[in-house]
PDB file of N, CA and C in Angstrom:
ATOM      1  N   CYS A   1      11.575 -12.816   1.598  1.00  0.00           N
ATOM      2  CA  CYS A   1      10.853 -11.772   2.289  1.00  0.00           C
ATOM      3  C   CYS A   1       9.634 -11.340   1.459  1.00  0.00           C
ATOM      4  N   THR A   2       9.788 -11.223   0.157  1.00  0.00           N
ATOM      5  CA  THR A   2       8.682 -10.811  -0.689  1.00  0.00           C
ATOM      6  C   THR A   2       7.565 -11.838  -0.657  1.00  0.00           C
ATOM      7  N   SER A   3       7.908 -13.105  -0.618  1.00  0.00           N
ATOM      8  CA  SER A   3       6.874 -14.139  -0.584  1.00  0.00           C
ATOM      9  C   SER A   3       6.053 -14.056   0.701  1.00  0.00           C
ATOM     10  N   ARG A   4       6.675 -13.709   1.801  1.00  0.00           N
ATOM     11  CA  ARG A   4       5.942 -13.525   3.059  1.00  0.00           C
ATOM     12  C   ARG A   4       5.007 -12.330   2.967  1.00  0.00           C
ATOM     13  N   ASN A   5       5.425 -11.278   2.264  1.00  0.00           N
ATOM     14  CA  ASN A   5       4.545 -10.121   2.066  1.00  0.00           C
ATOM     15  C   ASN A   5       3.325 -10.518   1.246  1.00  0.00           C
ATOM     16  N   VAL A   6       3.535 -11.279   0.186  1.00  0.00           N
ATOM     17  CA  VAL A   6       2.421 -11.745  -0.642  1.00  0.00           C
ATOM     18  C   VAL A   6       1.507 -12.635   0.187  1.00  0.00           C
ATOM     19  N   GLN A   7       2.084 -13.520   0.970  1.00  0.00           N
ATOM     20  CA  GLN A   7       1.299 -14.438   1.794  1.00  0.00           C
ATOM     21  C   GLN A   7       0.462 -13.683   2.818  1.00  0.00           C
ATOM     22  N   SER A   8       1.044 -12.712   3.510  1.00  0.00           N
ATOM     23  CA  SER A   8       0.284 -11.967   4.516  1.00  0.00           C
ATOM     24  C   SER A   8      -0.770 -11.069   3.872  1.00  0.00           C
ATOM     25  N   THR A   9      -0.478 -10.542   2.688  1.00  0.00           N
ATOM     26  CA  THR A   9      -1.463  -9.740   1.972  1.00  0.00           C
ATOM     27  C   THR A   9      -2.641 -10.609   1.545  1.00  0.00           C
ATOM     28  N   ALA A  10      -2.372 -11.829   1.155  1.00  0.00           N
ATOM     29  CA  ALA A  10      -3.449 -12.756   0.802  1.00  0.00           C
ATOM     30  C   ALA A  10      -4.272 -13.137   2.033  1.00  0.00           C
ATOM     31  N   GLU A  11      -3.620 -13.254   3.181  1.00  0.00           N
ATOM     32  CA  GLU A  11      -4.360 -13.543   4.415  1.00  0.00           C
ATOM     33  C   GLU A  11      -5.299 -12.405   4.781  1.00  0.00           C
ATOM     34  N   GLU A  12      -4.903 -11.167   4.447  1.00  0.00           N
ATOM     35  CA  GLU A  12      -5.743 -10.003   4.728  1.00  0.00           C
ATOM     36  C   GLU A  12      -6.884  -9.859   3.733  1.00  0.00           C
ATOM     37  N   GLY A  13      -6.849 -10.611   2.630  1.00  0.00           N
ATOM     38  CA  GLY A  13      -7.929 -10.577   1.659  1.00  0.00           C
ATOM     39  C   GLY A  13      -7.687  -9.702   0.452  1.00  0.00           C
ATOM     40  N   VAL A  14      -6.497  -9.119   0.334  1.00  0.00           N
ATOM     41  CA  VAL A  14      -6.198  -8.272  -0.820  1.00  0.00           C
ATOM     42  C   VAL A  14      -5.899  -9.127  -2.047  1.00  0.00           C
ATOM     43  N   PHE A  15      -5.096 -10.162  -1.872  1.00  0.00           N
ATOM     44  CA  PHE A  15      -4.796 -11.120  -2.926  1.00  0.00           C
ATOM     45  C   PHE A  15      -5.702 -12.340  -2.746  1.00  0.00           C
ATOM     46  N   PRO A  16      -5.798 -13.207  -3.750  1.00  0.00           N
ATOM     47  CA  PRO A  16      -6.629 -14.414  -3.604  1.00  0.00           C
ATOM     48  C   PRO A  16      -6.161 -15.288  -2.435  1.00  0.00           C
ATOM     49  N   LYS A  17      -7.123 -15.949  -1.800  1.00  0.00           N
ATOM     50  CA  LYS A  17      -6.832 -16.761  -0.609  1.00  0.00           C
ATOM     51  C   LYS A  17      -5.839 -17.880  -0.869  1.00  0.00           C
ATOM     52  N   TRP A  18      -5.812 -18.436  -2.090  1.00  0.00           N
ATOM     53  CA  TRP A  18      -4.907 -19.564  -2.354  1.00  0.00           C
ATOM     54  C   TRP A  18      -3.446 -19.162  -2.246  1.00  0.00           C
ATOM     55  N   MET A  19      -3.129 -17.854  -2.331  1.00  0.00           N
ATOM     56  CA  MET A  19      -1.748 -17.395  -2.173  1.00  0.00           C
ATOM     57  C   MET A  19      -1.309 -17.397  -0.716  1.00  0.00           C
ATOM     58  N   ALA A  20      -2.248 -17.549   0.202  1.00  0.00           N
ATOM     59  CA  ALA A  20      -1.919 -17.491   1.626  1.00  0.00           C
ATOM     60  C   ALA A  20      -1.472 -18.836   2.187  1.00  0.00           C
ATOM     61  N   GLY A  21      -1.471 -19.879   1.361  1.00  0.00           N
ATOM     62  CA  GLY A  21      -1.125 -21.206   1.852  1.00  0.00           C
ATOM     63  C   GLY A  21       0.327 -21.339   2.286  1.00  0.00           C
ATOM     64  N   ILE A  22       0.552 -22.173   3.293  1.00  0.00           N
ATOM     65  CA  ILE A  22       1.902 -22.446   3.793  1.00  0.00           C
ATOM     66  C   ILE A  22       2.128 -23.950   3.760  1.00  0.00           C
ATOM     67  N   ASN A  23       3.277 -24.367   3.246  1.00  0.00           N
ATOM     68  CA  ASN A  23       3.650 -25.769   3.204  1.00  0.00           C
ATOM     69  C   ASN A  23       3.915 -26.247   4.627  1.00  0.00           C
ATOM     70  N   SER A  24       3.258 -27.330   5.036  1.00  0.00           N
ATOM     71  CA  SER A  24       3.392 -27.802   6.415  1.00  0.00           C
ATOM     72  C   SER A  24       4.770 -28.420   6.693  1.00  0.00           C
ATOM     73  N   THR A  25       5.401 -28.979   5.686  1.00  0.00           N
ATOM     74  CA  THR A  25       6.716 -29.602   5.890  1.00  0.00           C
ATOM     75  C   THR A  25       7.824 -28.559   5.958  1.00  0.00           C
ATOM     76  N   LEU A  26       7.818 -27.645   5.004  1.00  0.00           N
ATOM     77  CA  LEU A  26       8.896 -26.661   4.907  1.00  0.00           C
ATOM     78  C   LEU A  26       8.596 -25.353   5.632  1.00  0.00           C
ATOM     79  N   ASN A  27       7.318 -25.140   5.997  1.00  0.00           N
ATOM     80  CA  ASN A  27       6.878 -23.910   6.654  1.00  0.00           C
ATOM     81  C   ASN A  27       7.187 -22.677   5.800  1.00  0.00           C
ATOM     82  N   THR A  28       6.992 -22.799   4.502  1.00  0.00           N
ATOM     83  CA  THR A  28       7.219 -21.703   3.578  1.00  0.00           C
ATOM     84  C   THR A  28       5.955 -21.455   2.758  1.00  0.00           C
ATOM     85  N   PRO A  29       5.752 -20.221   2.298  1.00  0.00           N
ATOM     86  CA  PRO A  29       4.569 -19.904   1.488  1.00  0.00           C
ATOM     87  C   PRO A  29       4.786 -20.294   0.024  1.00  0.00           C
ATOM     88  N   VAL A  30       4.671 -21.571  -0.268  1.00  0.00           N
ATOM     89  CA  VAL A  30       4.951 -22.091  -1.609  1.00  0.00           C
ATOM     90  C   VAL A  30       4.070 -21.449  -2.682  1.00  0.00           C
ATOM     91  N   PRO A  31       2.754 -21.283  -2.492  1.00  0.00           N
ATOM     92  CA  PRO A  31       1.961 -20.637  -3.550  1.00  0.00           C
ATOM     93  C   PRO A  31       2.426 -19.210  -3.856  1.00  0.00           C
ATOM     94  N   ALA A  32       2.815 -18.476  -2.838  1.00  0.00           N
ATOM     95  CA  ALA A  32       3.311 -17.109  -3.058  1.00  0.00           C
ATOM     96  C   ALA A  32       4.641 -17.129  -3.802  1.00  0.00           C
ATOM     97  N   ILE A  33       5.511 -18.059  -3.463  1.00  0.00           N
ATOM     98  CA  ILE A  33       6.803 -18.177  -4.145  1.00  0.00           C
ATOM     99  C   ILE A  33       6.593 -18.517  -5.616  1.00  0.00           C
ATOM    100  N   LEU A  34       5.669 -19.443  -5.885  1.00  0.00           N
ATOM    101  CA  LEU A  34       5.389 -19.816  -7.278  1.00  0.00           C
ATOM    102  C   LEU A  34       4.772 -18.651  -8.049  1.00  0.00           C
ATOM    103  N   THR A  35       3.910 -17.886  -7.409  1.00  0.00           N
ATOM    104  CA  THR A  35       3.314 -16.717  -8.059  1.00  0.00           C
ATOM    105  C   THR A  35       4.380 -15.693  -8.419  1.00  0.00           C
ATOM    106  N   ILE A  36       5.286 -15.424  -7.504  1.00  0.00           N
ATOM    107  CA  ILE A  36       6.368 -14.474  -7.765  1.00  0.00           C
ATOM    108  C   ILE A  36       7.269 -14.995  -8.881  1.00  0.00           C
ATOM    109  N   MET A  37       7.537 -16.289  -8.875  1.00  0.00           N
ATOM    110  CA  MET A  37       8.377 -16.882  -9.920  1.00  0.00           C
ATOM    111  C   MET A  37       7.727 -16.710 -11.299  1.00  0.00           C
ATOM    112  N   VAL A  38       6.427 -16.983 -11.389  1.00  0.00           N
ATOM    113  CA  VAL A  38       5.730 -16.836 -12.671  1.00  0.00           C
ATOM    114  C   VAL A  38       5.722 -15.379 -13.118  1.00  0.00           C
ATOM    115  N   MET A  39       5.471 -14.459 -12.192  1.00  0.00           N
ATOM    116  CA  MET A  39       5.464 -13.028 -12.546  1.00  0.00           C
ATOM    117  C   MET A  39       6.851 -12.580 -13.027  1.00  0.00           C
ATOM    118  N   ASN A  40       7.904 -13.051 -12.389  1.00  0.00           N
ATOM    119  CA  ASN A  40       9.263 -12.707 -12.828  1.00  0.00           C
ATOM    120  C   ASN A  40       9.558 -13.265 -14.215  1.00  0.00           C
ATOM    121  N   MET A  41       9.062 -14.455 -14.507  1.00  0.00           N
ATOM    122  CA  MET A  41       9.270 -15.024 -15.842  1.00  0.00           C
ATOM    123  C   MET A  41       8.504 -14.211 -16.893  1.00  0.00           C
ATOM    124  N   VAL A  42       7.327 -13.702 -16.544  1.00  0.00           N
ATOM    125  CA  VAL A  42       6.574 -12.847 -17.467  1.00  0.00           C
ATOM    126  C   VAL A  42       7.335 -11.543 -17.706  1.00  0.00           C
ATOM    127  N   TYR A  43       7.903 -10.977 -16.634  1.00  0.00           N
ATOM    128  CA  TYR A  43       8.683  -9.748 -16.789  1.00  0.00           C
ATOM    129  C   TYR A  43       9.891  -9.944 -17.696  1.00  0.00           C
ATOM    130  N   LEU A  44      10.451 -11.141 -17.711  1.00  0.00           N
ATOM    131  CA  LEU A  44      11.590 -11.412 -18.582  1.00  0.00           C
ATOM    132  C   LEU A  44      11.205 -11.402 -20.058  1.00  0.00           C
ATOM    133  N   LEU A  45       9.937 -11.652 -20.344  1.00  0.00           N
ATOM    134  CA  LEU A  45       9.476 -11.686 -21.731  1.00  0.00           C
ATOM    135  C   LEU A  45       9.228 -10.302 -22.313  1.00  0.00           C
ATOM    136  N   VAL A  46       9.077  -9.299 -21.469  1.00  0.00           N
ATOM    137  CA  VAL A  46       8.808  -7.942 -21.948  1.00  0.00           C
ATOM    138  C   VAL A  46      10.021  -7.060 -21.681  1.00  0.00           C
ATOM    139  N   ASP A  47      10.033  -5.909 -22.326  1.00  0.00           N
ATOM    140  CA  ASP A  47      11.125  -4.959 -22.123  1.00  0.00           C
ATOM    141  C   ASP A  47      10.932  -4.245 -20.788  1.00  0.00           C
ATOM    142  N   THR A  48      11.829  -4.476 -19.865  1.00  0.00           N
ATOM    143  CA  THR A  48      11.700  -3.891 -18.532  1.00  0.00           C
ATOM    144  C   THR A  48      12.610  -2.683 -18.324  1.00  0.00           C
ATOM    145  N   SER A  49      13.173  -2.144 -19.399  1.00  0.00           N
ATOM    146  CA  SER A  49      14.103  -1.027 -19.223  1.00  0.00           C
ATOM    147  C   SER A  49      13.416   0.209 -18.651  1.00  0.00           C
ATOM    148  N   SER A  50      12.139   0.394 -18.923  1.00  0.00           N
ATOM    149  CA  SER A  50      11.426   1.531 -18.340  1.00  0.00           C
ATOM    150  C   SER A  50      10.683   1.127 -17.073  1.00  0.00           C
ATOM    151  N   LEU A  51      10.423  -0.151 -16.908  1.00  0.00           N
ATOM    152  CA  LEU A  51       9.665  -0.622 -15.761  1.00  0.00           C
ATOM    153  C   LEU A  51      10.478  -0.563 -14.476  1.00  0.00           C
ATOM    154  N   ILE A  52      11.721  -0.976 -14.530  1.00  0.00           N
ATOM    155  CA  ILE A  52      12.549  -1.054 -13.328  1.00  0.00           C
ATOM    156  C   ILE A  52      12.812   0.331 -12.722  1.00  0.00           C
ATOM    157  N   PRO A  53      13.205   1.347 -13.507  1.00  0.00           N
ATOM    158  CA  PRO A  53      13.407   2.665 -12.891  1.00  0.00           C
ATOM    159  C   PRO A  53      12.141   3.241 -12.261  1.00  0.00           C
ATOM    160  N   SER A  54      10.997   3.011 -12.884  1.00  0.00           N
ATOM    161  CA  SER A  54       9.769   3.553 -12.301  1.00  0.00           C
ATOM    162  C   SER A  54       9.421   2.836 -11.001  1.00  0.00           C
ATOM    163  N   PHE A  55       9.659   1.518 -10.919  1.00  0.00           N
ATOM    164  CA  PHE A  55       9.412   0.804  -9.670  1.00  0.00           C
ATOM    165  C   PHE A  55      10.335   1.299  -8.571  1.00  0.00           C
ATOM    166  N   SER A  56      11.602   1.516  -8.895  1.00  0.00           N
ATOM    167  CA  SER A  56      12.524   1.953  -7.855  1.00  0.00           C
ATOM    168  C   SER A  56      12.197   3.367  -7.391  1.00  0.00           C
ATOM    169  N   THR A  57      11.754   4.229  -8.302  1.00  0.00           N
ATOM    170  CA  THR A  57      11.365   5.582  -7.905  1.00  0.00           C
ATOM    171  C   THR A  57      10.161   5.538  -6.971  1.00  0.00           C
ATOM    172  N   VAL A  58       9.199   4.705  -7.277  1.00  0.00           N
ATOM    173  CA  VAL A  58       8.022   4.574  -6.415  1.00  0.00           C
ATOM    174  C   VAL A  58       8.425   4.006  -5.058  1.00  0.00           C
ATOM    175  N   GLU A  59       9.335   3.061  -5.051  1.00  0.00           N
ATOM    176  CA  GLU A  59       9.794   2.481  -3.790  1.00  0.00           C
ATOM    177  C   GLU A  59      10.457   3.543  -2.914  1.00  0.00           C
ATOM    178  N   TRP A  60      11.358   4.344  -3.495  1.00  0.00           N
ATOM    179  CA  TRP A  60      12.014   5.399  -2.735  1.00  0.00           C
ATOM    180  C   TRP A  60      11.014   6.444  -2.270  1.00  0.00           C
ATOM    181  N   LEU A  61       9.981   6.715  -3.087  1.00  0.00           N
ATOM    182  CA  LEU A  61       8.948   7.666  -2.700  1.00  0.00           C
ATOM    183  C   LEU A  61       8.191   7.163  -1.464  1.00  0.00           C
ATOM    184  N   PHE A  62       7.878   5.874  -1.436  1.00  0.00           N
ATOM    185  CA  PHE A  62       7.184   5.330  -0.274  1.00  0.00           C
ATOM    186  C   PHE A  62       8.073   5.345   0.964  1.00  0.00           C
ATOM    187  N   TYR A  63       9.366   5.133   0.798  1.00  0.00           N
ATOM    188  CA  TYR A  63      10.270   5.266   1.945  1.00  0.00           C
ATOM    189  C   TYR A  63      10.249   6.701   2.474  1.00  0.00           C
ATOM    190  N   ALA A  64      10.298   7.669   1.580  1.00  0.00           N
ATOM    191  CA  ALA A  64      10.265   9.075   1.992  1.00  0.00           C
ATOM    192  C   ALA A  64       8.950   9.392   2.704  1.00  0.00           C
ATOM    193  N   MET A  65       7.841   8.854   2.198  1.00  0.00           N
ATOM    194  CA  MET A  65       6.551   9.076   2.845  1.00  0.00           C
ATOM    195  C   MET A  65       6.511   8.440   4.230  1.00  0.00           C
ATOM    196  N   THR A  66       7.131   7.272   4.372  1.00  0.00           N
ATOM    197  CA  THR A  66       7.173   6.604   5.670  1.00  0.00           C
ATOM    198  C   THR A  66       7.918   7.453   6.685  1.00  0.00           C
ATOM    199  N   PHE A  67       9.070   7.980   6.288  1.00  0.00           N
ATOM    200  CA  PHE A  67       9.845   8.799   7.218  1.00  0.00           C
ATOM    201  C   PHE A  67       9.166  10.133   7.492  1.00  0.00           C
ATOM    202  N   SER A  68       8.437  10.679   6.498  1.00  0.00           N
ATOM    203  CA  SER A  68       7.709  11.925   6.766  1.00  0.00           C
ATOM    204  C   SER A  68       6.574  11.668   7.757  1.00  0.00           C
ATOM    205  N   CYS A  69       5.899  10.517   7.654  1.00  0.00           N
ATOM    206  CA  CYS A  69       4.858  10.166   8.638  1.00  0.00           C
ATOM    207  C   CYS A  69       5.467   9.966  10.015  1.00  0.00           C
ATOM    208  N   LEU A  70       6.641   9.369  10.070  1.00  0.00           N
ATOM    209  CA  LEU A  70       7.328   9.189  11.337  1.00  0.00           C
ATOM    210  C   LEU A  70       7.599  10.542  11.987  1.00  0.00           C
ATOM    211  N   LEU A  71       8.111  11.496  11.206  1.00  0.00           N
ATOM    212  CA  LEU A  71       8.387  12.826  11.748  1.00  0.00           C
ATOM    213  C   LEU A  71       7.105  13.535  12.157  1.00  0.00           C
ATOM    214  N   TYR A  72       6.040  13.402  11.354  1.00  0.00           N
ATOM    215  CA  TYR A  72       4.762  14.038  11.663  1.00  0.00           C
ATOM    216  C   TYR A  72       4.192  13.506  12.972  1.00  0.00           C
ATOM    217  N   LEU A  73       4.170  12.183  13.120  1.00  0.00           N
ATOM    218  CA  LEU A  73       3.626  11.597  14.334  1.00  0.00           C
ATOM    219  C   LEU A  73       4.497  11.889  15.554  1.00  0.00           C
ATOM    220  N   ARG A  74       5.789  11.964  15.347  1.00  0.00           N
ATOM    221  CA  ARG A  74       6.682  12.310  16.455  1.00  0.00           C
ATOM    222  C   ARG A  74       6.386  13.721  16.958  1.00  0.00           C
ATOM    223  N   TYR A  75       6.007  14.611  16.022  1.00  0.00           N
ATOM    224  CA  TYR A  75       5.721  15.996  16.389  1.00  0.00           C
ATOM    225  C   TYR A  75       4.314  16.150  16.965  1.00  0.00           C
ATOM    226  N   THR A  76       3.301  15.521  16.344  1.00  0.00           N
ATOM    227  CA  THR A  76       1.915  15.727  16.773  1.00  0.00           C
ATOM    228  C   THR A  76       1.507  14.850  17.949  1.00  0.00           C
ATOM    229  N   GLU A  77       2.108  13.686  18.098  1.00  0.00           N
ATOM    230  CA  GLU A  77       1.744  12.773  19.188  1.00  0.00           C
ATOM    231  C   GLU A  77       2.994  12.270  19.910  1.00  0.00           C
ATOM    232  N   PRO A  78       3.687  13.163  20.594  1.00  0.00           N
ATOM    233  CA  PRO A  78       4.959  12.772  21.217  1.00  0.00           C
ATOM    234  C   PRO A  78       4.802  11.830  22.411  1.00  0.00           C
ATOM    235  N   LYS A  79       3.620  11.780  23.023  1.00  0.00           N
ATOM    236  CA  LYS A  79       3.428  10.973  24.228  1.00  0.00           C
ATOM    237  C   LYS A  79       3.032   9.534  23.940  1.00  0.00           C
ATOM    238  N   ASN A  80       2.792   9.183  22.686  1.00  0.00           N
ATOM    239  CA  ASN A  80       2.402   7.812  22.352  1.00  0.00           C
ATOM    240  C   ASN A  80       3.517   6.826  22.687  1.00  0.00           C
ATOM    241  N   ILE A  81       3.103   5.649  23.140  1.00  0.00           N
ATOM    242  CA  ILE A  81       4.072   4.587  23.421  1.00  0.00           C
ATOM    243  C   ILE A  81       4.397   3.892  22.097  1.00  0.00           C
ATOM    244  N   ARG A  82       5.688   3.748  21.821  1.00  0.00           N
ATOM    245  CA  ARG A  82       6.134   3.124  20.578  1.00  0.00           C
ATOM    246  C   ARG A  82       7.008   1.917  20.911  1.00  0.00           C
ATOM    247  N   PRO A  83       6.903   0.842  20.103  1.00  0.00           N
ATOM    248  CA  PRO A  83       7.734  -0.348  20.371  1.00  0.00           C
ATOM    249  C   PRO A  83       9.222  -0.034  20.298  1.00  0.00           C
ATOM    250  N   PHE A  84       9.610   0.809  19.372  1.00  0.00           N
ATOM    251  CA  PHE A  84      10.994   1.270  19.294  1.00  0.00           C
ATOM    252  C   PHE A  84      10.973   2.684  18.738  1.00  0.00           C
ATOM    253  N   LYS A  85      12.003   3.429  19.048  1.00  0.00           N
ATOM    254  CA  LYS A  85      12.042   4.834  18.667  1.00  0.00           C
ATOM    255  C   LYS A  85      13.327   5.107  17.902  1.00  0.00           C
ATOM    256  N   ILE A  86      13.180   5.618  16.683  1.00  0.00           N
ATOM    257  CA  ILE A  86      14.338   5.991  15.882  1.00  0.00           C
ATOM    258  C   ILE A  86      14.795   7.373  16.345  1.00  0.00           C
ATOM    259  N   PRO A  87      16.085   7.571  16.566  1.00  0.00           N
ATOM    260  CA  PRO A  87      16.550   8.899  16.971  1.00  0.00           C
ATOM    261  C   PRO A  87      16.153   9.951  15.930  1.00  0.00           C
ATOM    262  N   LEU A  88      15.756  11.118  16.397  1.00  0.00           N
ATOM    263  CA  LEU A  88      15.258  12.166  15.526  1.00  0.00           C
ATOM    264  C   LEU A  88      16.242  12.580  14.431  1.00  0.00           C
ATOM    265  N   PRO A  89      17.542  12.759  14.735  1.00  0.00           N
ATOM    266  CA  PRO A  89      18.471  13.116  13.649  1.00  0.00           C
ATOM    267  C   PRO A  89      18.543  12.046  12.547  1.00  0.00           C
ATOM    268  N   VAL A  90      18.446  10.791  12.929  1.00  0.00           N
ATOM    269  CA  VAL A  90      18.465   9.703  11.940  1.00  0.00           C
ATOM    270  C   VAL A  90      17.220   9.773  11.060  1.00  0.00           C
ATOM    271  N   ALA A  91      16.061  10.010  11.670  1.00  0.00           N
ATOM    272  CA  ALA A  91      14.813  10.102  10.903  1.00  0.00           C
ATOM    273  C   ALA A  91      14.841  11.283   9.939  1.00  0.00           C
ATOM    274  N   ILE A  92      15.354  12.416  10.388  1.00  0.00           N
ATOM    275  CA  ILE A  92      15.440  13.596   9.515  1.00  0.00           C
ATOM    276  C   ILE A  92      16.404  13.323   8.364  1.00  0.00           C
ATOM    277  N   PHE A  93      17.559  12.734   8.663  1.00  0.00           N
ATOM    278  CA  PHE A  93      18.525  12.423   7.609  1.00  0.00           C
ATOM    279  C   PHE A  93      17.929  11.467   6.580  1.00  0.00           C
ATOM    280  N   LEU A  94      17.265  10.403   7.046  1.00  0.00           N
ATOM    281  CA  LEU A  94      16.686   9.423   6.123  1.00  0.00           C
ATOM    282  C   LEU A  94      15.579  10.036   5.283  1.00  0.00           C
ATOM    283  N   PHE A  95      14.764  10.911   5.873  1.00  0.00           N
ATOM    284  CA  PHE A  95      13.719  11.576   5.092  1.00  0.00           C
ATOM    285  C   PHE A  95      14.339  12.437   3.994  1.00  0.00           C
ATOM    286  N   CYS A  96      15.325  13.244   4.355  1.00  0.00           N
ATOM    287  CA  CYS A  96      15.973  14.120   3.353  1.00  0.00           C
ATOM    288  C   CYS A  96      16.670  13.301   2.278  1.00  0.00           C
ATOM    289  N   ASP A  97      17.342  12.240   2.681  1.00  0.00           N
ATOM    290  CA  ASP A  97      18.051  11.405   1.727  1.00  0.00           C
ATOM    291  C   ASP A  97      17.093  10.741   0.749  1.00  0.00           C
ATOM    292  N   HIS A  98      16.029  10.161   1.232  1.00  0.00           N
ATOM    293  CA  HIS A  98      15.083   9.470   0.362  1.00  0.00           C
ATOM    294  C   HIS A  98      14.300  10.457  -0.508  1.00  0.00           C
ATOM    295  N   ARG A  99      13.999  11.619   0.028  1.00  0.00           N
ATOM    296  CA  ARG A  99      13.331  12.645  -0.773  1.00  0.00           C
ATOM    297  C   ARG A  99      14.235  13.080  -1.928  1.00  0.00           C
ATOM    298  N   ASN A 100      15.517  13.244  -1.645  1.00  0.00           N
ATOM    299  CA  ASN A 100      16.451  13.660  -2.701  1.00  0.00           C
ATOM    300  C   ASN A 100      16.615  12.574  -3.756  1.00  0.00           C
ATOM    301  N   VAL A 101      16.610  11.320  -3.342  1.00  0.00           N
ATOM    302  CA  VAL A 101      16.726  10.224  -4.311  1.00  0.00           C
ATOM    303  C   VAL A 101      15.521  10.210  -5.258  1.00  0.00           C
ATOM    304  N   CYS A 102      14.348  10.569  -4.730  1.00  0.00           N
ATOM    305  CA  CYS A 102      13.137  10.622  -5.562  1.00  0.00           C
ATOM    306  C   CYS A 102      13.140  11.819  -6.497  1.00  0.00           C
ATOM    307  N   CYS A 103      13.604  12.960  -6.009  1.00  0.00           N
ATOM    308  CA  CYS A 103      13.503  14.201  -6.789  1.00  0.00           C
ATOM    309  C   CYS A 103      14.689  14.413  -7.735  1.00  0.00           C
ATOM    310  N   ALA A 104      15.853  13.938  -7.387  1.00  0.00           N
ATOM    311  CA  ALA A 104      17.049  14.202  -8.197  1.00  0.00           C
ATOM    312  C   ALA A 104      16.936  13.719  -9.641  1.00  0.00           C
ATOM    313  N   PRO A 105      16.383  12.540  -9.930  1.00  0.00           N
ATOM    314  CA  PRO A 105      16.315  12.113 -11.325  1.00  0.00           C
ATOM    315  C   PRO A 105      15.480  13.058 -12.208  1.00  0.00           C
ATOM    316  N   ASN A 106      14.527  13.766 -11.631  1.00  0.00           N
ATOM    317  CA  ASN A 106      13.716  14.704 -12.415  1.00  0.00           C
ATOM    318  C   ASN A 106      14.532  15.891 -12.893  1.00  0.00           C
ATOM    319  N   PHE A 107      15.553  16.267 -12.124  1.00  0.00           N
ATOM    320  CA  PHE A 107      16.368  17.418 -12.489  1.00  0.00           C
ATOM    321  C   PHE A 107      17.595  17.035 -13.313  1.00  0.00           C
ATOM    322  N   LEU A 108      17.898  15.744 -13.359  1.00  0.00           N
ATOM    323  CA  LEU A 108      19.085  15.293 -14.077  1.00  0.00           C
ATOM    324  C   LEU A 108      18.810  14.823 -15.502  1.00  0.00           C
ATOM    325  N   LYS A 109      17.534  14.794 -15.896  1.00  0.00           N
ATOM    326  CA  LYS A 109      17.217  14.328 -17.249  1.00  0.00           C
ATOM    327  C   LYS A 109      17.754  15.299 -18.278  1.00  0.00           C
ATOM    328  N   LYS A 110      18.229  14.747 -19.384  1.00  0.00           N
ATOM    329  CA  LYS A 110      18.829  15.584 -20.430  1.00  0.00           C
ATOM    330  C   LYS A 110      17.843  15.822 -21.539  1.00  0.00           C
TER     331      LYS A 110
END
């Protein structure tokens, strides 16, 4: 899944174009897979004990922001046509849960 994200980001022009290539036989983004593999090998060479928690905190923060945008748009533009609609109680629960996951480590530090 991550390799497809890298491939589509390269197609949009954010990453270099050579990362957007797809193998015609396997139909997989081989350049993106190789790039991720090399980056993971580089991460193995350095101390990642502080890197991993910060990445996960940022990831949870973006999830919380996504659900807050969902709630905001549901409130400000209720008549918009949406491909699928998440039930409101589920969206509120997920926003609160992800917000707490982001904020709780700040209060638990010793």
